[in-house]
Amino acid sequence: MATSDIKFTVPFEPRISRLFIFRGLWLVVEIWVLLVWSMWYGLIKFVHFWHMLILGKRNKALWNKEMRFARHSLKWQSYLMRLSNGRPEFIET
């Protein structure tokens, strides 16, 4: 079985806008998107689990949908923890 290393690097930027204190206000809008999307993610995860259990292999389309949600939530988490200066889109494409 092949393994791969995951590398997470965040470039240091000495300058930042003082308006970063308002980043949490974006959650008023984004929380509803994440709520609906996480319910969809749960359904996809459930279907994918049974697909893997019965057929013994992953479905690429379901896997990509799961990774799209994970990528989107990670971008928002890094933005809200002030690791990133660029605000992510409301829905990841």
PDB file of N, CA and C in Angstrom:
ATOM      1  N   MET A   1       0.838  -1.177   0.000  1.00  0.00           N
ATOM      2  CA  MET A   1       0.000   0.000   0.000  1.00  0.00           C
ATOM      3  C   MET A   1       0.885   1.243   0.000  1.00  0.00           C
ATOM      4  N   ALA A   2       0.588   2.166  -0.864  1.00  0.00           N
ATOM      5  CA  ALA A   2       1.379   3.384  -0.965  1.00  0.00           C
ATOM      6  C   ALA A   2       0.905   4.403   0.068  1.00  0.00           C
ATOM      7  N   THR A   3       1.841   5.132   0.616  1.00  0.00           N
ATOM      8  CA  THR A   3       1.505   6.204   1.547  1.00  0.00           C
ATOM      9  C   THR A   3       1.980   7.517   0.970  1.00  0.00           C
ATOM     10  N   SER A   4       1.366   8.574   1.408  1.00  0.00           N
ATOM     11  CA  SER A   4       1.788   9.895   0.943  1.00  0.00           C
ATOM     12  C   SER A   4       1.837  10.839   2.131  1.00  0.00           C
ATOM     13  N   ASP A   5       2.747  11.758   2.062  1.00  0.00           N
ATOM     14  CA  ASP A   5       2.885  12.757   3.113  1.00  0.00           C
ATOM     15  C   ASP A   5       2.014  13.958   2.782  1.00  0.00           C
ATOM     16  N   ILE A   6       1.386  14.495   3.793  1.00  0.00           N
ATOM     17  CA  ILE A   6       0.584  15.698   3.627  1.00  0.00           C
ATOM     18  C   ILE A   6       1.395  16.852   4.176  1.00  0.00           C
ATOM     19  N   LYS A   7       1.584  17.863   3.359  1.00  0.00           N
ATOM     20  CA  LYS A   7       2.358  19.027   3.774  1.00  0.00           C
ATOM     21  C   LYS A   7       1.445  20.241   3.800  1.00  0.00           C
ATOM     22  N   PHE A   8       1.483  20.954   4.888  1.00  0.00           N
ATOM     23  CA  PHE A   8       0.661  22.147   5.044  1.00  0.00           C
ATOM     24  C   PHE A   8       1.597  23.299   5.344  1.00  0.00           C
ATOM     25  N   THR A   9       1.717  24.213   4.393  1.00  0.00           N
ATOM     26  CA  THR A   9       2.586  25.361   4.588  1.00  0.00           C
ATOM     27  C   THR A   9       1.774  26.625   4.443  1.00  0.00           C
ATOM     28  N   VAL A  10       1.988  27.535   5.351  1.00  0.00           N
ATOM     29  CA  VAL A  10       1.311  28.825   5.324  1.00  0.00           C
ATOM     30  C   VAL A  10       2.383  29.897   5.256  1.00  0.00           C
ATOM     31  N   PRO A  11       2.388  30.690   4.189  1.00  0.00           N
ATOM     32  CA  PRO A  11       3.416  31.730   4.097  1.00  0.00           C
ATOM     33  C   PRO A  11       3.153  32.838   5.122  1.00  0.00           C
ATOM     34  N   PHE A  12       4.219  33.336   5.729  1.00  0.00           N
ATOM     35  CA  PHE A  12       4.114  34.418   6.695  1.00  0.00           C
ATOM     36  C   PHE A  12       3.974  35.738   5.960  1.00  0.00           C
ATOM     37  N   GLU A  13       2.976  36.525   6.352  1.00  0.00           N
ATOM     38  CA  GLU A  13       2.782  37.864   5.785  1.00  0.00           C
ATOM     39  C   GLU A  13       2.810  38.852   6.935  1.00  0.00           C
ATOM     40  N   PRO A  14       3.805  39.744   6.963  1.00  0.00           N
ATOM     41  CA  PRO A  14       3.931  40.657   8.103  1.00  0.00           C
ATOM     42  C   PRO A  14       2.810  41.691   8.187  1.00  0.00           C
ATOM     43  N   ARG A  15       2.233  42.058   7.063  1.00  0.00           N
ATOM     44  CA  ARG A  15       1.187  43.087   7.072  1.00  0.00           C
ATOM     45  C   ARG A  15      -0.181  42.433   6.956  1.00  0.00           C
ATOM     46  N   ILE A  16      -1.131  42.978   7.718  1.00  0.00           N
ATOM     47  CA  ILE A  16      -2.493  42.479   7.680  1.00  0.00           C
ATOM     48  C   ILE A  16      -3.427  43.658   7.958  1.00  0.00           C
ATOM     49  N   SER A  17      -4.597  43.609   7.370  1.00  0.00           N
ATOM     50  CA  SER A  17      -5.583  44.657   7.591  1.00  0.00           C
ATOM     51  C   SER A  17      -6.098  44.568   9.019  1.00  0.00           C
ATOM     52  N   ARG A  18      -6.332  45.721   9.624  1.00  0.00           N
ATOM     53  CA  ARG A  18      -6.870  45.725  10.986  1.00  0.00           C
ATOM     54  C   ARG A  18      -8.339  45.332  11.020  1.00  0.00           C
ATOM     55  N   LEU A  19      -8.940  45.186   9.869  1.00  0.00           N
ATOM     56  CA  LEU A  19     -10.339  44.783   9.807  1.00  0.00           C
ATOM     57  C   LEU A  19     -10.516  43.281  10.021  1.00  0.00           C
ATOM     58  N   PHE A  20      -9.424  42.588  10.351  1.00  0.00           N
ATOM     59  CA  PHE A  20      -9.533  41.144  10.577  1.00  0.00           C
ATOM     60  C   PHE A  20     -10.461  40.829  11.751  1.00  0.00           C
ATOM     61  N   ILE A  21     -10.711  41.787  12.612  1.00  0.00           N
ATOM     62  CA  ILE A  21     -11.584  41.525  13.764  1.00  0.00           C
ATOM     63  C   ILE A  21     -13.021  41.263  13.328  1.00  0.00           C
ATOM     64  N   PHE A  22     -13.379  41.637  12.105  1.00  0.00           N
ATOM     65  CA  PHE A  22     -14.735  41.418  11.604  1.00  0.00           C
ATOM     66  C   PHE A  22     -14.892  40.104  10.844  1.00  0.00           C
ATOM     67  N   ARG A  23     -13.860  39.293  10.799  1.00  0.00           N
ATOM     68  CA  ARG A  23     -13.939  38.038  10.051  1.00  0.00           C
ATOM     69  C   ARG A  23     -15.036  37.127  10.580  1.00  0.00           C
ATOM     70  N   GLY A  24     -15.234  37.123  11.862  1.00  0.00           N
ATOM     71  CA  GLY A  24     -16.267  36.277  12.451  1.00  0.00           C
ATOM     72  C   GLY A  24     -17.665  36.633  11.993  1.00  0.00           C
ATOM     73  N   LEU A  25     -17.867  37.869  11.546  1.00  0.00           N
ATOM     74  CA  LEU A  25     -19.192  38.274  11.064  1.00  0.00           C
ATOM     75  C   LEU A  25     -19.579  37.564   9.772  1.00  0.00           C
ATOM     76  N   TRP A  26     -18.589  37.096   9.024  1.00  0.00           N
ATOM     77  CA  TRP A  26     -18.902  36.343   7.806  1.00  0.00           C
ATOM     78  C   TRP A  26     -19.624  35.044   8.125  1.00  0.00           C
ATOM     79  N   LEU A  27     -19.458  34.571   9.362  1.00  0.00           N
ATOM     80  CA  LEU A  27     -20.124  33.330   9.750  1.00  0.00           C
ATOM     81  C   LEU A  27     -21.638  33.468   9.774  1.00  0.00           C
ATOM     82  N   VAL A  28     -22.136  34.685   9.965  1.00  0.00           N
ATOM     83  CA  VAL A  28     -23.583  34.894   9.945  1.00  0.00           C
ATOM     84  C   VAL A  28     -24.160  34.454   8.603  1.00  0.00           C
ATOM     85  N   VAL A  29     -23.424  34.676   7.549  1.00  0.00           N
ATOM     86  CA  VAL A  29     -23.858  34.266   6.214  1.00  0.00           C
ATOM     87  C   VAL A  29     -23.427  32.835   5.920  1.00  0.00           C
ATOM     88  N   GLU A  30     -22.169  32.531   6.183  1.00  0.00           N
ATOM     89  CA  GLU A  30     -21.595  31.250   5.784  1.00  0.00           C
ATOM     90  C   GLU A  30     -22.150  30.075   6.585  1.00  0.00           C
ATOM     91  N   ILE A  31     -22.599  30.303   7.808  1.00  0.00           N
ATOM     92  CA  ILE A  31     -23.068  29.190   8.636  1.00  0.00           C
ATOM     93  C   ILE A  31     -24.260  28.482   7.998  1.00  0.00           C
ATOM     94  N   TRP A  32     -25.112  29.227   7.299  1.00  0.00           N
ATOM     95  CA  TRP A  32     -26.277  28.613   6.652  1.00  0.00           C
ATOM     96  C   TRP A  32     -25.863  27.774   5.453  1.00  0.00           C
ATOM     97  N   VAL A  33     -24.870  28.247   4.729  1.00  0.00           N
ATOM     98  CA  VAL A  33     -24.342  27.474   3.608  1.00  0.00           C
ATOM     99  C   VAL A  33     -23.717  26.175   4.130  1.00  0.00           C
ATOM    100  N   LEU A  34     -22.912  26.297   5.176  1.00  0.00           N
ATOM    101  CA  LEU A  34     -22.260  25.111   5.736  1.00  0.00           C
ATOM    102  C   LEU A  34     -23.258  24.155   6.369  1.00  0.00           C
ATOM    103  N   LEU A  35     -24.316  24.669   6.948  1.00  0.00           N
ATOM    104  CA  LEU A  35     -25.328  23.800   7.555  1.00  0.00           C
ATOM    105  C   LEU A  35     -25.998  22.916   6.509  1.00  0.00           C
ATOM    106  N   VAL A  36     -26.463  23.532   5.431  1.00  0.00           N
ATOM    107  CA  VAL A  36     -27.119  22.768   4.366  1.00  0.00           C
ATOM    108  C   VAL A  36     -26.119  21.824   3.701  1.00  0.00           C
ATOM    109  N   TRP A  37     -24.921  22.332   3.437  1.00  0.00           N
ATOM    110  CA  TRP A  37     -23.913  21.527   2.764  1.00  0.00           C
ATOM    111  C   TRP A  37     -23.465  20.357   3.639  1.00  0.00           C
ATOM    112  N   SER A  38     -23.389  20.552   4.957  1.00  0.00           N
ATOM    113  CA  SER A  38     -22.968  19.454   5.823  1.00  0.00           C
ATOM    114  C   SER A  38     -24.027  18.356   5.893  1.00  0.00           C
ATOM    115  N   MET A  39     -25.307  18.720   5.783  1.00  0.00           N
ATOM    116  CA  MET A  39     -26.346  17.692   5.714  1.00  0.00           C
ATOM    117  C   MET A  39     -26.204  16.883   4.422  1.00  0.00           C
ATOM    118  N   TRP A  40     -25.937  17.567   3.329  1.00  0.00           N
ATOM    119  CA  TRP A  40     -25.704  16.893   2.046  1.00  0.00           C
ATOM    120  C   TRP A  40     -24.459  16.008   2.144  1.00  0.00           C
ATOM    121  N   TYR A  41     -23.412  16.517   2.784  1.00  0.00           N
ATOM    122  CA  TYR A  41     -22.178  15.763   2.974  1.00  0.00           C
ATOM    123  C   TYR A  41     -22.450  14.482   3.775  1.00  0.00           C
ATOM    124  N   GLY A  42     -23.263  14.587   4.821  1.00  0.00           N
ATOM    125  CA  GLY A  42     -23.600  13.413   5.618  1.00  0.00           C
ATOM    126  C   GLY A  42     -24.306  12.348   4.803  1.00  0.00           C
ATOM    127  N   LEU A  43     -25.215  12.773   3.930  1.00  0.00           N
ATOM    128  CA  LEU A  43     -25.915  11.833   3.054  1.00  0.00           C
ATOM    129  C   LEU A  43     -24.945  11.177   2.071  1.00  0.00           C
ATOM    130  N   ILE A  44     -24.073  11.983   1.475  1.00  0.00           N
ATOM    131  CA  ILE A  44     -23.068  11.454   0.541  1.00  0.00           C
ATOM    132  C   ILE A  44     -22.146  10.467   1.265  1.00  0.00           C
ATOM    133  N   LYS A  45     -21.720  10.832   2.464  1.00  0.00           N
ATOM    134  CA  LYS A  45     -20.833   9.962   3.246  1.00  0.00           C
ATOM    135  C   LYS A  45     -21.517   8.633   3.566  1.00  0.00           C
ATOM    136  N   PHE A  46     -22.801   8.673   3.915  1.00  0.00           N
ATOM    137  CA  PHE A  46     -23.569   7.468   4.216  1.00  0.00           C
ATOM    138  C   PHE A  46     -23.659   6.557   2.992  1.00  0.00           C
ATOM    139  N   VAL A  47     -23.999   7.149   1.844  1.00  0.00           N
ATOM    140  CA  VAL A  47     -24.110   6.376   0.605  1.00  0.00           C
ATOM    141  C   VAL A  47     -22.752   5.799   0.210  1.00  0.00           C
ATOM    142  N   HIS A  48     -21.716   6.600   0.353  1.00  0.00           N
ATOM    143  CA  HIS A  48     -20.382   6.150  -0.030  1.00  0.00           C
ATOM    144  C   HIS A  48     -19.902   5.022   0.885  1.00  0.00           C
ATOM    145  N   PHE A  49     -20.227   5.106   2.174  1.00  0.00           N
ATOM    146  CA  PHE A  49     -19.866   4.031   3.102  1.00  0.00           C
ATOM    147  C   PHE A  49     -20.478   2.706   2.654  1.00  0.00           C
ATOM    148  N   TRP A  50     -21.772   2.718   2.339  1.00  0.00           N
ATOM    149  CA  TRP A  50     -22.426   1.475   1.921  1.00  0.00           C
ATOM    150  C   TRP A  50     -21.931   0.995   0.568  1.00  0.00           C
ATOM    151  N   HIS A  51     -21.608   1.922  -0.305  1.00  0.00           N
ATOM    152  CA  HIS A  51     -21.030   1.562  -1.600  1.00  0.00           C
ATOM    153  C   HIS A  51     -19.704   0.830  -1.399  1.00  0.00           C
ATOM    154  N   MET A  52     -18.843   1.364  -0.519  1.00  0.00           N
ATOM    155  CA  MET A  52     -17.554   0.721  -0.265  1.00  0.00           C
ATOM    156  C   MET A  52     -17.733  -0.614   0.446  1.00  0.00           C
ATOM    157  N   LEU A  53     -18.691  -0.692   1.356  1.00  0.00           N
ATOM    158  CA  LEU A  53     -18.906  -1.931   2.093  1.00  0.00           C
ATOM    159  C   LEU A  53     -19.411  -3.048   1.188  1.00  0.00           C
ATOM    160  N   ILE A  54     -20.343  -2.715   0.306  1.00  0.00           N
ATOM    161  CA  ILE A  54     -20.946  -3.739  -0.549  1.00  0.00           C
ATOM    162  C   ILE A  54     -20.049  -4.101  -1.729  1.00  0.00           C
ATOM    163  N   LEU A  55     -19.513  -3.094  -2.412  1.00  0.00           N
ATOM    164  CA  LEU A  55     -18.721  -3.361  -3.617  1.00  0.00           C
ATOM    165  C   LEU A  55     -17.222  -3.489  -3.365  1.00  0.00           C
ATOM    166  N   GLY A  56     -16.756  -3.002  -2.230  1.00  0.00           N
ATOM    167  CA  GLY A  56     -15.334  -3.125  -1.910  1.00  0.00           C
ATOM    168  C   GLY A  56     -14.437  -2.164  -2.650  1.00  0.00           C
ATOM    169  N   LYS A  57     -14.984  -1.072  -3.177  1.00  0.00           N
ATOM    170  CA  LYS A  57     -14.160  -0.069  -3.850  1.00  0.00           C
ATOM    171  C   LYS A  57     -14.806   1.301  -3.692  1.00  0.00           C
ATOM    172  N   ARG A  58     -13.996   2.337  -3.898  1.00  0.00           N
ATOM    173  CA  ARG A  58     -14.488   3.707  -3.785  1.00  0.00           C
ATOM    174  C   ARG A  58     -15.131   4.158  -5.088  1.00  0.00           C
ATOM    175  N   ASN A  59     -16.082   5.074  -4.951  1.00  0.00           N
ATOM    176  CA  ASN A  59     -16.697   5.712  -6.110  1.00  0.00           C
ATOM    177  C   ASN A  59     -16.040   7.072  -6.288  1.00  0.00           C
ATOM    178  N   LYS A  60     -15.466   7.325  -7.455  1.00  0.00           N
ATOM    179  CA  LYS A  60     -14.717   8.567  -7.679  1.00  0.00           C
ATOM    180  C   LYS A  60     -15.593   9.805  -7.561  1.00  0.00           C
ATOM    181  N   ALA A  61     -16.813   9.770  -8.067  1.00  0.00           N
ATOM    182  CA  ALA A  61     -17.699  10.940  -8.009  1.00  0.00           C
ATOM    183  C   ALA A  61     -18.058  11.278  -6.557  1.00  0.00           C
ATOM    184  N   LEU A  62     -18.369  10.268  -5.762  1.00  0.00           N
ATOM    185  CA  LEU A  62     -18.700  10.514  -4.362  1.00  0.00           C
ATOM    186  C   LEU A  62     -17.481  11.004  -3.591  1.00  0.00           C
ATOM    187  N   TRP A  63     -16.329  10.429  -3.893  1.00  0.00           N
ATOM    188  CA  TRP A  63     -15.085  10.846  -3.258  1.00  0.00           C
ATOM    189  C   TRP A  63     -14.792  12.318  -3.554  1.00  0.00           C
ATOM    190  N   ASN A  64     -14.971  12.721  -4.808  1.00  0.00           N
ATOM    191  CA  ASN A  64     -14.725  14.118  -5.183  1.00  0.00           C
ATOM    192  C   ASN A  64     -15.677  15.063  -4.464  1.00  0.00           C
ATOM    193  N   LYS A  65     -16.931  14.664  -4.272  1.00  0.00           N
ATOM    194  CA  LYS A  65     -17.890  15.499  -3.541  1.00  0.00           C
ATOM    195  C   LYS A  65     -17.473  15.648  -2.076  1.00  0.00           C
ATOM    196  N   GLU A  66     -16.984  14.570  -1.477  1.00  0.00           N
ATOM    197  CA  GLU A  66     -16.513  14.636  -0.097  1.00  0.00           C
ATOM    198  C   GLU A  66     -15.295  15.561   0.018  1.00  0.00           C
ATOM    199  N   MET A  67     -14.376  15.444  -0.910  1.00  0.00           N
ATOM    200  CA  MET A  67     -13.168  16.264  -0.868  1.00  0.00           C
ATOM    201  C   MET A  67     -13.478  17.741  -1.143  1.00  0.00           C
ATOM    202  N   ARG A  68     -14.483  18.005  -1.951  1.00  0.00           N
ATOM    203  CA  ARG A  68     -14.881  19.392  -2.223  1.00  0.00           C
ATOM    204  C   ARG A  68     -15.371  20.054  -0.938  1.00  0.00           C
ATOM    205  N   PHE A  69     -16.177  19.332  -0.162  1.00  0.00           N
ATOM    206  CA  PHE A  69     -16.660  19.869   1.112  1.00  0.00           C
ATOM    207  C   PHE A  69     -15.501  20.051   2.087  1.00  0.00           C
ATOM    208  N   ALA A  70     -14.599  19.079   2.167  1.00  0.00           N
ATOM    209  CA  ALA A  70     -13.456  19.178   3.078  1.00  0.00           C
ATOM    210  C   ALA A  70     -12.563  20.361   2.719  1.00  0.00           C
ATOM    211  N   ARG A  71     -12.320  20.562   1.428  1.00  0.00           N
ATOM    212  CA  ARG A  71     -11.507  21.686   0.964  1.00  0.00           C
ATOM    213  C   ARG A  71     -12.155  23.013   1.340  1.00  0.00           C
ATOM    214  N   HIS A  72     -13.472  23.100   1.139  1.00  0.00           N
ATOM    215  CA  HIS A  72     -14.203  24.328   1.432  1.00  0.00           C
ATOM    216  C   HIS A  72     -14.166  24.648   2.929  1.00  0.00           C
ATOM    217  N   SER A  73     -14.442  23.669   3.762  1.00  0.00           N
ATOM    218  CA  SER A  73     -14.455  23.929   5.207  1.00  0.00           C
ATOM    219  C   SER A  73     -13.055  24.249   5.728  1.00  0.00           C
ATOM    220  N   LEU A  74     -12.023  23.622   5.162  1.00  0.00           N
ATOM    221  CA  LEU A  74     -10.652  23.921   5.568  1.00  0.00           C
ATOM    222  C   LEU A  74     -10.273  25.353   5.203  1.00  0.00           C
ATOM    223  N   LYS A  75     -10.686  25.817   4.031  1.00  0.00           N
ATOM    224  CA  LYS A  75     -10.387  27.195   3.639  1.00  0.00           C
ATOM    225  C   LYS A  75     -11.037  28.189   4.591  1.00  0.00           C
ATOM    226  N   TRP A  76     -12.289  27.917   4.992  1.00  0.00           N
ATOM    227  CA  TRP A  76     -12.969  28.825   5.924  1.00  0.00           C
ATOM    228  C   TRP A  76     -12.329  28.782   7.303  1.00  0.00           C
ATOM    229  N   GLN A  77     -11.933  27.596   7.744  1.00  0.00           N
ATOM    230  CA  GLN A  77     -11.285  27.496   9.053  1.00  0.00           C
ATOM    231  C   GLN A  77      -9.965  28.253   9.073  1.00  0.00           C
ATOM    232  N   SER A  78      -9.178  28.122   8.026  1.00  0.00           N
ATOM    233  CA  SER A  78      -7.897  28.825   7.986  1.00  0.00           C
ATOM    234  C   SER A  78      -8.105  30.333   7.888  1.00  0.00           C
ATOM    235  N   TYR A  79      -9.164  30.768   7.216  1.00  0.00           N
ATOM    236  CA  TYR A  79      -9.462  32.204   7.134  1.00  0.00           C
ATOM    237  C   TYR A  79      -9.881  32.740   8.503  1.00  0.00           C
ATOM    238  N   LEU A  80     -10.732  32.016   9.189  1.00  0.00           N
ATOM    239  CA  LEU A  80     -11.218  32.490  10.487  1.00  0.00           C
ATOM    240  C   LEU A  80     -10.158  32.413  11.582  1.00  0.00           C
ATOM    241  N   MET A  81      -9.179  31.520  11.439  1.00  0.00           N
ATOM    242  CA  MET A  81      -8.086  31.432  12.408  1.00  0.00           C
ATOM    243  C   MET A  81      -6.936  32.359  12.032  1.00  0.00           C
ATOM    244  N   ARG A  82      -7.155  33.208  11.052  1.00  0.00           N
ATOM    245  CA  ARG A  82      -6.186  34.210  10.604  1.00  0.00           C
ATOM    246  C   ARG A  82      -4.911  33.609  10.027  1.00  0.00           C
ATOM    247  N   LEU A  83      -5.037  32.434   9.393  1.00  0.00           N
ATOM    248  CA  LEU A  83      -3.898  31.833   8.714  1.00  0.00           C
ATOM    249  C   LEU A  83      -3.835  32.266   7.257  1.00  0.00           C
ATOM    250  N   SER A  84      -4.936  32.820   6.776  1.00  0.00           N
ATOM    251  CA  SER A  84      -5.033  33.225   5.378  1.00  0.00           C
ATOM    252  C   SER A  84      -5.664  34.610   5.315  1.00  0.00           C
ATOM    253  N   ASN A  85      -5.219  35.430   4.374  1.00  0.00           N
ATOM    254  CA  ASN A  85      -5.786  36.774   4.233  1.00  0.00           C
ATOM    255  C   ASN A  85      -6.920  36.830   3.235  1.00  0.00           C
ATOM    256  N   GLY A  86      -6.976  35.905   2.299  1.00  0.00           N
ATOM    257  CA  GLY A  86      -8.006  35.946   1.277  1.00  0.00           C
ATOM    258  C   GLY A  86      -9.270  35.243   1.722  1.00  0.00           C
ATOM    259  N   ARG A  87     -10.406  35.946   1.677  1.00  0.00           N
ATOM    260  CA  ARG A  87     -11.679  35.329   2.080  1.00  0.00           C
ATOM    261  C   ARG A  87     -12.093  34.333   1.024  1.00  0.00           C
ATOM    262  N   PRO A  88     -12.437  33.118   1.436  1.00  0.00           N
ATOM    263  CA  PRO A  88     -12.888  32.100   0.468  1.00  0.00           C
ATOM    264  C   PRO A  88     -14.257  32.436  -0.110  1.00  0.00           C
ATOM    265  N   GLU A  89     -14.595  31.786  -1.195  1.00  0.00           N
ATOM    266  CA  GLU A  89     -15.914  31.938  -1.779  1.00  0.00           C
ATOM    267  C   GLU A  89     -16.953  31.303  -0.839  1.00  0.00           C
ATOM    268  N   PHE A  90     -18.217  31.700  -0.998  1.00  0.00           N
ATOM    269  CA  PHE A  90     -19.255  31.123  -0.150  1.00  0.00           C
ATOM    270  C   PHE A  90     -19.530  29.673  -0.528  1.00  0.00           C
ATOM    271  N   ILE A  91     -19.406  29.357  -1.793  1.00  0.00           N
ATOM    272  CA  ILE A  91     -19.561  27.975  -2.242  1.00  0.00           C
ATOM    273  C   ILE A  91     -18.366  27.634  -3.120  1.00  0.00           C
ATOM    274  N   GLU A  92     -17.666  26.595  -2.734  1.00  0.00           N
ATOM    275  CA  GLU A  92     -16.473  26.146  -3.466  1.00  0.00           C
ATOM    276  C   GLU A  92     -16.874  25.559  -4.814  1.00  0.00           C
ATOM    277  N   THR A  93     -16.174  25.942  -5.850  1.00  0.00           N
ATOM    278  CA  THR A  93     -16.479  25.394  -7.177  1.00  0.00           C
ATOM    279  C   THR A  93     -15.476  24.338  -7.569  1.00  0.00           C
TER     280      THR A  93
END
